[in-house]
Every structure is written in structure tokens, then in C-alpha cells.
Amino acid sequence: MPGKRTDVISWDEFFMRVAMAASMRSKDPNTQVGACIADTNHRILSVGYNGTPSTLNDDEFPWDTAEDPLLDKHSYVIHAEANAILNYRGSLKDMGGATVYVTLFPCRECAKTLVQAGIGEVVYLSNKYDGTEDNLIARSIFDRCGITYRQVTVDE
């Protein structure tokens, strides 16, 4: 009897690929972000991507960045991490110590939300805003709250 396969992808790569697939649902023309939340038993709790609230018609949506907050996409879009938390239908207690896999390092608002939800670790693919004020605040939030974070790579 032949032995089992040993060249399987890691859990980190598996969950990050789920986050990458979720990001493909984003209609944002500039930044597509996906998130996957997994518990310590390697069970997917929820996924999300950056997009508008479900009842906002995104065909009539201003997908640009503008000086006027009423015309700026940032005023309307819900980030992938927040959507993953909002999409979860179980008890938030289940997220205690869970890991979020996200294609882009979280902003400060998402950092606060992840901490409040009980997330224990953040695994990210890209940090294109590294060193910005928002990024430094997000890192400070994670550091002060004991949330670990690390970057991973995924083979194409």
C-alpha cells in the first residue's frame, strides 16, 4: 500500500489562499483585500472581503478616492477583517485566540475590531502601508494587547 502524500500545503498557506480567493470578490478597482478567520482546530470560522454594505448599490458607488468625503470610497467600504467578523454566525467567544489570515496588514480601525473580537494572531501577506502612521498605530494596538502578527508568503 502506497504511503500518503507528504507534499501538501501548510495550514498557513491553505487559509491564506482562502483569504486570497475572498479578495477576488472585491469590486474595489485599486485594493482587493480578503480575510479568513480560523480557530485553533484548523476550522474556518468566517471569511470576508472589502466592499460596500450589502444594501448599498455598488453599481452607483464612487469607487474613487476624492477630497469630498461624500465621494470618497473610504467613507463607505467595510474592510475585509470587519466583514469576516460580521459574517460570522456563531458566538464571538469562538473567536477567542483564533487567527485571522488577511491579504493586507490591518489598518488601525480593523486592529481595534480584531482585538475586541478576541483574535489572537494576525497572519498577513502584504504590508504595502508599512511605516505609515496608520500602520504604526495598528502595530502598537496589537503589541499593547498581546496580539502576535507575522508575514507569510504563498507560492504562486
N, C-alpha and C. Protein backbone atom coordinates (compact mmCIF):
# COMPACT_ATOMS: atom_id res chain seq x y z
N MET A 1 0.85 -1.18 0.00
CA MET A 1 0.00 0.00 0.00
C MET A 1 0.90 1.24 0.00
N PRO A 2 0.64 2.17 -0.94
CA PRO A 2 1.49 3.37 -1.01
C PRO A 2 1.25 4.28 0.20
N GLY A 3 2.27 5.04 0.54
CA GLY A 3 2.16 5.98 1.66
C GLY A 3 1.35 7.21 1.27
N LYS A 4 0.96 7.96 2.25
CA LYS A 4 0.18 9.16 1.99
C LYS A 4 1.06 10.25 1.38
N ARG A 5 0.44 11.21 0.75
CA ARG A 5 1.16 12.36 0.20
C ARG A 5 1.80 13.15 1.32
N THR A 6 2.97 13.66 1.06
CA THR A 6 3.65 14.49 2.06
C THR A 6 3.88 15.91 1.56
N ASP A 7 3.56 16.17 0.31
CA ASP A 7 3.81 17.49 -0.27
C ASP A 7 2.56 18.39 -0.23
N VAL A 8 1.80 18.29 0.85
CA VAL A 8 0.60 19.11 1.00
C VAL A 8 0.98 20.51 1.46
N ILE A 9 0.10 21.46 1.19
CA ILE A 9 0.37 22.83 1.62
C ILE A 9 0.15 22.94 3.14
N SER A 10 0.81 23.91 3.74
CA SER A 10 0.67 24.13 5.18
C SER A 10 -0.70 24.74 5.49
N TRP A 11 -1.07 24.73 6.78
CA TRP A 11 -2.31 25.38 7.19
C TRP A 11 -2.25 26.87 6.89
N ASP A 12 -1.09 27.49 7.14
CA ASP A 12 -0.95 28.92 6.83
C ASP A 12 -1.24 29.19 5.36
N GLU A 13 -0.68 28.38 4.48
CA GLU A 13 -0.90 28.60 3.05
C GLU A 13 -2.36 28.32 2.69
N PHE A 14 -2.94 27.29 3.25
CA PHE A 14 -4.34 26.97 2.97
C PHE A 14 -5.26 28.14 3.32
N PHE A 15 -5.15 28.63 4.56
CA PHE A 15 -6.03 29.72 5.00
C PHE A 15 -5.74 31.01 4.26
N MET A 16 -4.47 31.27 3.93
CA MET A 16 -4.15 32.48 3.17
C MET A 16 -4.72 32.38 1.76
N ARG A 17 -4.70 31.20 1.18
CA ARG A 17 -5.31 31.04 -0.15
C ARG A 17 -6.82 31.26 -0.10
N VAL A 18 -7.46 30.89 1.00
CA VAL A 18 -8.89 31.18 1.16
C VAL A 18 -9.09 32.69 1.21
N ALA A 19 -8.23 33.39 1.96
CA ALA A 19 -8.31 34.86 2.03
C ALA A 19 -8.07 35.47 0.64
N MET A 20 -7.13 34.92 -0.09
CA MET A 20 -6.85 35.42 -1.44
C MET A 20 -8.06 35.22 -2.35
N ALA A 21 -8.71 34.07 -2.23
CA ALA A 21 -9.91 33.82 -3.04
C ALA A 21 -11.01 34.80 -2.65
N ALA A 22 -11.17 35.06 -1.36
CA ALA A 22 -12.19 36.02 -0.92
C ALA A 22 -11.92 37.40 -1.50
N SER A 23 -10.64 37.79 -1.57
CA SER A 23 -10.30 39.13 -2.09
C SER A 23 -10.74 39.30 -3.54
N MET A 24 -10.89 38.22 -4.25
CA MET A 24 -11.29 38.28 -5.65
C MET A 24 -12.76 38.69 -5.81
N ARG A 25 -13.52 38.72 -4.72
CA ARG A 25 -14.91 39.19 -4.74
C ARG A 25 -14.99 40.71 -4.62
N SER A 26 -13.90 41.36 -4.20
CA SER A 26 -13.92 42.81 -4.01
C SER A 26 -14.07 43.53 -5.34
N LYS A 27 -14.90 44.56 -5.35
CA LYS A 27 -15.10 45.35 -6.57
C LYS A 27 -14.24 46.60 -6.59
N ASP A 28 -13.46 46.80 -5.53
CA ASP A 28 -12.57 47.95 -5.46
C ASP A 28 -11.54 47.86 -6.58
N PRO A 29 -11.44 48.87 -7.45
CA PRO A 29 -10.52 48.78 -8.57
C PRO A 29 -9.04 48.91 -8.17
N ASN A 30 -8.76 49.40 -6.97
CA ASN A 30 -7.37 49.61 -6.57
C ASN A 30 -6.85 48.61 -5.55
N THR A 31 -7.64 48.27 -4.57
CA THR A 31 -7.17 47.42 -3.49
C THR A 31 -8.21 46.35 -3.19
N GLN A 32 -7.85 45.11 -3.43
CA GLN A 32 -8.72 43.99 -3.11
C GLN A 32 -8.12 43.26 -1.91
N VAL A 33 -8.89 43.15 -0.84
CA VAL A 33 -8.41 42.53 0.39
C VAL A 33 -9.37 41.43 0.80
N GLY A 34 -8.81 40.32 1.24
CA GLY A 34 -9.61 39.21 1.75
C GLY A 34 -9.11 38.80 3.13
N ALA A 35 -10.03 38.23 3.92
CA ALA A 35 -9.68 37.75 5.25
C ALA A 35 -10.36 36.42 5.51
N CYS A 36 -9.65 35.56 6.23
CA CYS A 36 -10.17 34.26 6.65
C CYS A 36 -9.84 34.09 8.12
N ILE A 37 -10.83 33.80 8.92
CA ILE A 37 -10.62 33.57 10.35
C ILE A 37 -10.72 32.08 10.62
N ALA A 38 -9.67 31.55 11.24
CA ALA A 38 -9.62 30.12 11.55
C ALA A 38 -9.36 29.92 13.04
N ASP A 39 -10.01 28.91 13.62
CA ASP A 39 -9.79 28.66 15.04
C ASP A 39 -8.57 27.77 15.25
N THR A 40 -8.28 27.46 16.48
CA THR A 40 -7.08 26.69 16.80
C THR A 40 -7.17 25.23 16.37
N ASN A 41 -8.35 24.78 15.98
CA ASN A 41 -8.54 23.41 15.47
C ASN A 41 -8.51 23.35 13.95
N HIS A 42 -8.02 24.40 13.32
CA HIS A 42 -7.92 24.48 11.86
C HIS A 42 -9.29 24.43 11.19
N ARG A 43 -10.25 25.09 11.79
CA ARG A 43 -11.60 25.16 11.25
C ARG A 43 -11.88 26.60 10.85
N ILE A 44 -12.35 26.80 9.63
CA ILE A 44 -12.68 28.14 9.16
C ILE A 44 -13.94 28.61 9.87
N LEU A 45 -13.83 29.76 10.52
CA LEU A 45 -14.98 30.35 11.18
C LEU A 45 -15.73 31.30 10.25
N SER A 46 -14.97 32.07 9.46
CA SER A 46 -15.62 33.06 8.60
C SER A 46 -14.63 33.61 7.59
N VAL A 47 -15.17 34.21 6.54
CA VAL A 47 -14.36 34.91 5.55
C VAL A 47 -15.01 36.25 5.24
N GLY A 48 -14.24 37.16 4.67
CA GLY A 48 -14.77 38.45 4.27
C GLY A 48 -13.85 39.11 3.28
N TYR A 49 -14.35 40.13 2.63
CA TYR A 49 -13.56 40.93 1.69
C TYR A 49 -14.01 42.37 1.80
N ASN A 50 -13.19 43.28 1.29
CA ASN A 50 -13.55 44.70 1.38
C ASN A 50 -14.62 45.03 0.34
N GLY A 51 -15.66 45.68 0.82
CA GLY A 51 -16.76 46.04 -0.06
C GLY A 51 -17.77 46.92 0.64
N THR A 52 -18.78 47.29 -0.10
CA THR A 52 -19.80 48.18 0.42
C THR A 52 -20.80 47.39 1.28
N PRO A 53 -21.55 48.08 2.13
CA PRO A 53 -22.63 47.41 2.86
C PRO A 53 -23.59 46.75 1.87
N SER A 54 -24.19 45.65 2.29
CA SER A 54 -24.98 44.83 1.36
C SER A 54 -26.13 45.56 0.69
N THR A 55 -26.69 46.56 1.32
CA THR A 55 -27.83 47.26 0.71
C THR A 55 -27.44 48.49 -0.08
N LEU A 56 -26.14 48.80 -0.13
CA LEU A 56 -25.68 49.94 -0.93
C LEU A 56 -25.40 49.46 -2.35
N ASN A 57 -26.02 50.07 -3.33
CA ASN A 57 -25.84 49.65 -4.71
C ASN A 57 -24.44 50.03 -5.19
N ASP A 58 -23.57 49.05 -5.30
CA ASP A 58 -22.19 49.36 -5.68
C ASP A 58 -22.02 49.67 -7.17
N ASP A 59 -23.09 49.55 -7.95
CA ASP A 59 -23.03 50.00 -9.35
C ASP A 59 -23.10 51.52 -9.43
N GLU A 60 -23.67 52.15 -8.41
CA GLU A 60 -23.78 53.61 -8.36
C GLU A 60 -22.79 54.20 -7.35
N PHE A 61 -21.79 53.43 -7.00
CA PHE A 61 -20.86 53.78 -5.93
C PHE A 61 -19.65 54.55 -6.45
N PRO A 62 -19.19 55.56 -5.72
CA PRO A 62 -17.97 56.28 -6.14
C PRO A 62 -16.71 55.50 -5.76
N TRP A 63 -16.17 54.72 -6.68
CA TRP A 63 -15.02 53.87 -6.39
C TRP A 63 -13.70 54.63 -6.43
N ASP A 64 -13.75 55.94 -6.37
CA ASP A 64 -12.53 56.75 -6.42
C ASP A 64 -12.16 57.25 -5.04
N THR A 65 -10.96 57.76 -4.96
CA THR A 65 -10.52 58.49 -3.78
C THR A 65 -10.69 59.96 -4.11
N ALA A 66 -11.42 60.68 -3.24
CA ALA A 66 -11.73 62.08 -3.51
C ALA A 66 -11.55 62.91 -2.25
N GLU A 67 -11.37 64.20 -2.45
CA GLU A 67 -11.27 65.13 -1.32
C GLU A 67 -12.60 65.22 -0.57
N ASP A 68 -13.69 65.13 -1.28
CA ASP A 68 -15.02 65.22 -0.69
C ASP A 68 -15.38 63.85 -0.07
N PRO A 69 -15.57 63.79 1.24
CA PRO A 69 -15.88 62.51 1.88
C PRO A 69 -17.13 61.82 1.32
N LEU A 70 -18.06 62.60 0.77
CA LEU A 70 -19.26 62.00 0.19
C LEU A 70 -18.97 61.28 -1.12
N LEU A 71 -17.84 61.57 -1.73
CA LEU A 71 -17.47 60.94 -3.00
C LEU A 71 -16.26 60.02 -2.87
N ASP A 72 -15.80 59.81 -1.67
CA ASP A 72 -14.60 59.01 -1.42
C ASP A 72 -14.98 57.60 -0.97
N LYS A 73 -14.47 56.60 -1.65
CA LYS A 73 -14.80 55.21 -1.34
C LYS A 73 -14.49 54.85 0.11
N HIS A 74 -13.46 55.47 0.69
CA HIS A 74 -13.07 55.14 2.06
C HIS A 74 -14.18 55.44 3.08
N SER A 75 -15.09 56.31 2.71
CA SER A 75 -16.20 56.63 3.61
C SER A 75 -17.26 55.54 3.64
N TYR A 76 -17.22 54.63 2.71
CA TYR A 76 -18.29 53.66 2.55
C TYR A 76 -17.87 52.20 2.69
N VAL A 77 -16.67 51.87 2.33
CA VAL A 77 -16.23 50.47 2.27
C VAL A 77 -16.02 49.89 3.66
N ILE A 78 -16.50 48.68 3.84
CA ILE A 78 -16.23 47.90 5.05
C ILE A 78 -15.03 47.02 4.75
N HIS A 79 -14.03 47.04 5.61
CA HIS A 79 -12.81 46.28 5.37
C HIS A 79 -13.04 44.78 5.54
N ALA A 80 -12.17 44.00 4.93
CA ALA A 80 -12.29 42.54 4.92
C ALA A 80 -12.34 41.94 6.31
N GLU A 81 -11.51 42.44 7.22
CA GLU A 81 -11.46 41.89 8.57
C GLU A 81 -12.79 42.11 9.29
N ALA A 82 -13.33 43.32 9.17
CA ALA A 82 -14.62 43.63 9.80
C ALA A 82 -15.72 42.79 9.17
N ASN A 83 -15.70 42.64 7.86
CA ASN A 83 -16.71 41.81 7.20
C ASN A 83 -16.62 40.36 7.66
N ALA A 84 -15.42 39.85 7.84
CA ALA A 84 -15.27 38.46 8.30
C ALA A 84 -15.89 38.31 9.69
N ILE A 85 -15.68 39.28 10.56
CA ILE A 85 -16.28 39.22 11.90
C ILE A 85 -17.80 39.34 11.79
N LEU A 86 -18.28 40.28 10.98
CA LEU A 86 -19.72 40.48 10.83
C LEU A 86 -20.41 39.29 10.15
N ASN A 87 -19.70 38.59 9.27
CA ASN A 87 -20.27 37.44 8.58
C ASN A 87 -20.39 36.21 9.47
N TYR A 88 -19.68 36.19 10.59
CA TYR A 88 -19.70 35.01 11.47
C TYR A 88 -21.06 34.89 12.14
N ARG A 89 -21.61 33.71 12.13
CA ARG A 89 -22.95 33.49 12.68
C ARG A 89 -22.94 32.79 14.03
N GLY A 90 -21.78 32.49 14.56
CA GLY A 90 -21.69 31.86 15.87
C GLY A 90 -21.45 32.88 16.96
N SER A 91 -21.04 32.41 18.11
CA SER A 91 -20.73 33.27 19.23
C SER A 91 -19.33 33.85 19.07
N LEU A 92 -19.18 35.13 19.35
CA LEU A 92 -17.86 35.74 19.27
C LEU A 92 -16.87 35.08 20.21
N LYS A 93 -17.35 34.36 21.21
CA LYS A 93 -16.46 33.62 22.10
C LYS A 93 -15.63 32.62 21.31
N ASP A 94 -16.18 32.11 20.21
CA ASP A 94 -15.47 31.15 19.38
C ASP A 94 -14.21 31.74 18.75
N MET A 95 -14.17 33.07 18.64
CA MET A 95 -13.01 33.73 18.03
C MET A 95 -11.87 33.94 19.01
N GLY A 96 -12.10 33.63 20.27
CA GLY A 96 -11.05 33.79 21.27
C GLY A 96 -9.82 32.97 20.90
N GLY A 97 -8.72 33.66 20.65
CA GLY A 97 -7.47 33.00 20.30
C GLY A 97 -7.35 32.58 18.86
N ALA A 98 -8.37 32.86 18.04
CA ALA A 98 -8.35 32.47 16.63
C ALA A 98 -7.31 33.29 15.86
N THR A 99 -7.03 32.85 14.65
CA THR A 99 -6.08 33.53 13.77
C THR A 99 -6.83 34.11 12.59
N VAL A 100 -6.52 35.36 12.26
CA VAL A 100 -7.06 35.95 11.04
C VAL A 100 -5.95 35.95 10.00
N TYR A 101 -6.26 35.45 8.84
CA TYR A 101 -5.37 35.48 7.68
C TYR A 101 -5.89 36.56 6.78
N VAL A 102 -5.07 37.56 6.51
CA VAL A 102 -5.53 38.70 5.74
C VAL A 102 -4.49 39.06 4.68
N THR A 103 -4.95 39.42 3.50
CA THR A 103 -4.02 39.67 2.40
C THR A 103 -3.27 40.98 2.54
N LEU A 104 -3.77 41.89 3.39
CA LEU A 104 -3.11 43.18 3.63
C LEU A 104 -3.12 43.46 5.12
N PHE A 105 -1.99 43.90 5.66
CA PHE A 105 -1.89 44.17 7.09
C PHE A 105 -3.03 45.09 7.51
N PRO A 106 -3.69 44.80 8.62
CA PRO A 106 -4.87 45.58 9.03
C PRO A 106 -4.57 47.05 9.34
N CYS A 107 -5.55 47.89 9.09
CA CYS A 107 -5.49 49.30 9.47
C CYS A 107 -5.76 49.40 10.97
N ARG A 108 -5.64 50.60 11.51
CA ARG A 108 -5.85 50.77 12.96
C ARG A 108 -7.28 50.46 13.38
N GLU A 109 -8.27 50.82 12.56
CA GLU A 109 -9.66 50.53 12.93
C GLU A 109 -9.91 49.02 12.96
N CYS A 110 -9.38 48.30 11.99
CA CYS A 110 -9.53 46.85 11.97
C CYS A 110 -8.73 46.21 13.11
N ALA A 111 -7.58 46.79 13.44
CA ALA A 111 -6.80 46.27 14.56
C ALA A 111 -7.63 46.31 15.84
N LYS A 112 -8.31 47.43 16.08
CA LYS A 112 -9.15 47.55 17.28
C LYS A 112 -10.29 46.54 17.24
N THR A 113 -10.89 46.37 16.09
CA THR A 113 -12.01 45.43 15.94
C THR A 113 -11.55 44.00 16.16
N LEU A 114 -10.39 43.65 15.61
CA LEU A 114 -9.87 42.29 15.78
C LEU A 114 -9.56 42.00 17.25
N VAL A 115 -8.97 42.97 17.92
CA VAL A 115 -8.68 42.80 19.35
C VAL A 115 -9.98 42.60 20.12
N GLN A 116 -10.97 43.42 19.84
CA GLN A 116 -12.24 43.35 20.55
C GLN A 116 -12.94 42.01 20.31
N ALA A 117 -12.74 41.42 19.13
CA ALA A 117 -13.36 40.13 18.80
C ALA A 117 -12.63 38.96 19.45
N GLY A 118 -11.43 39.23 19.99
CA GLY A 118 -10.69 38.16 20.66
C GLY A 118 -9.66 37.45 19.81
N ILE A 119 -9.40 37.97 18.61
CA ILE A 119 -8.40 37.35 17.73
C ILE A 119 -7.05 37.33 18.43
N GLY A 120 -6.35 36.22 18.32
CA GLY A 120 -5.07 36.07 19.00
C GLY A 120 -3.86 36.27 18.12
N GLU A 121 -4.04 36.11 16.80
CA GLU A 121 -2.91 36.23 15.88
C GLU A 121 -3.38 36.77 14.54
N VAL A 122 -2.52 37.58 13.94
CA VAL A 122 -2.76 38.12 12.61
C VAL A 122 -1.65 37.61 11.70
N VAL A 123 -2.04 36.96 10.62
CA VAL A 123 -1.10 36.49 9.62
C VAL A 123 -1.43 37.25 8.34
N TYR A 124 -0.45 37.93 7.79
CA TYR A 124 -0.72 38.78 6.64
C TYR A 124 0.21 38.46 5.49
N LEU A 125 -0.24 38.82 4.29
CA LEU A 125 0.52 38.56 3.07
C LEU A 125 1.34 39.76 2.66
N SER A 126 0.74 40.95 2.71
CA SER A 126 1.39 42.17 2.25
C SER A 126 1.26 43.27 3.31
N ASN A 127 2.22 44.17 3.31
CA ASN A 127 2.14 45.33 4.19
C ASN A 127 2.57 46.55 3.39
N LYS A 128 1.79 46.86 2.36
CA LYS A 128 2.18 47.95 1.47
C LYS A 128 2.15 49.32 2.13
N TYR A 129 1.53 49.42 3.30
CA TYR A 129 1.50 50.69 4.02
C TYR A 129 2.47 50.70 5.21
N ASP A 130 3.44 49.81 5.18
CA ASP A 130 4.41 49.70 6.27
C ASP A 130 5.07 51.05 6.55
N GLY A 131 5.12 51.42 7.82
CA GLY A 131 5.77 52.66 8.22
C GLY A 131 4.87 53.88 8.23
N THR A 132 3.66 53.76 7.70
CA THR A 132 2.74 54.90 7.73
C THR A 132 2.21 55.07 9.16
N GLU A 133 1.66 56.23 9.44
CA GLU A 133 1.10 56.48 10.77
C GLU A 133 0.05 55.44 11.13
N ASP A 134 -0.85 55.15 10.20
CA ASP A 134 -1.91 54.18 10.45
C ASP A 134 -1.33 52.81 10.76
N ASN A 135 -0.31 52.40 10.02
CA ASN A 135 0.33 51.11 10.23
C ASN A 135 1.02 51.05 11.59
N LEU A 136 1.68 52.12 11.97
CA LEU A 136 2.37 52.15 13.25
C LEU A 136 1.37 52.08 14.41
N ILE A 137 0.23 52.73 14.26
CA ILE A 137 -0.80 52.67 15.30
C ILE A 137 -1.38 51.26 15.38
N ALA A 138 -1.65 50.63 14.24
CA ALA A 138 -2.17 49.26 14.24
C ALA A 138 -1.19 48.32 14.94
N ARG A 139 0.09 48.45 14.62
CA ARG A 139 1.10 47.61 15.28
C ARG A 139 1.13 47.87 16.79
N SER A 140 1.03 49.12 17.17
CA SER A 140 1.03 49.47 18.59
C SER A 140 -0.16 48.84 19.30
N ILE A 141 -1.32 48.88 18.67
CA ILE A 141 -2.52 48.26 19.24
C ILE A 141 -2.27 46.77 19.46
N PHE A 142 -1.78 46.10 18.43
CA PHE A 142 -1.51 44.66 18.56
C PHE A 142 -0.48 44.38 19.65
N ASP A 143 0.59 45.15 19.66
CA ASP A 143 1.65 44.95 20.66
C ASP A 143 1.12 45.16 22.07
N ARG A 144 0.38 46.21 22.29
CA ARG A 144 -0.14 46.53 23.62
C ARG A 144 -1.18 45.52 24.10
N CYS A 145 -1.84 44.86 23.15
CA CYS A 145 -2.90 43.91 23.50
C CYS A 145 -2.43 42.46 23.44
N GLY A 146 -1.15 42.26 23.14
CA GLY A 146 -0.61 40.90 23.11
C GLY A 146 -1.02 40.07 21.91
N ILE A 147 -1.38 40.73 20.82
CA ILE A 147 -1.75 40.03 19.59
C ILE A 147 -0.49 39.87 18.75
N THR A 148 -0.17 38.64 18.40
CA THR A 148 1.00 38.42 17.56
C THR A 148 0.64 38.64 16.10
N TYR A 149 1.62 39.00 15.32
CA TYR A 149 1.42 39.17 13.88
C TYR A 149 2.69 38.75 13.17
N ARG A 150 2.48 38.19 11.98
CA ARG A 150 3.62 37.74 11.18
C ARG A 150 3.22 37.69 9.73
N GLN A 151 4.22 37.86 8.89
CA GLN A 151 4.00 37.83 7.45
C GLN A 151 4.33 36.45 6.91
N VAL A 152 3.56 36.01 5.93
CA VAL A 152 3.83 34.75 5.24
C VAL A 152 3.89 35.00 3.74
N THR A 153 4.49 34.08 3.04
CA THR A 153 4.50 34.12 1.59
C THR A 153 3.74 32.90 1.07
N VAL A 154 3.17 33.05 -0.09
CA VAL A 154 2.43 31.96 -0.72
C VAL A 154 2.98 31.80 -2.12
N ASP A 155 3.36 30.59 -2.46
CA ASP A 155 3.86 30.32 -3.81
C ASP A 155 2.72 30.43 -4.81
N GLU A 156 3.03 31.01 -5.94
CA GLU A 156 2.01 31.16 -6.99
C GLU A 156 1.82 29.87 -7.73
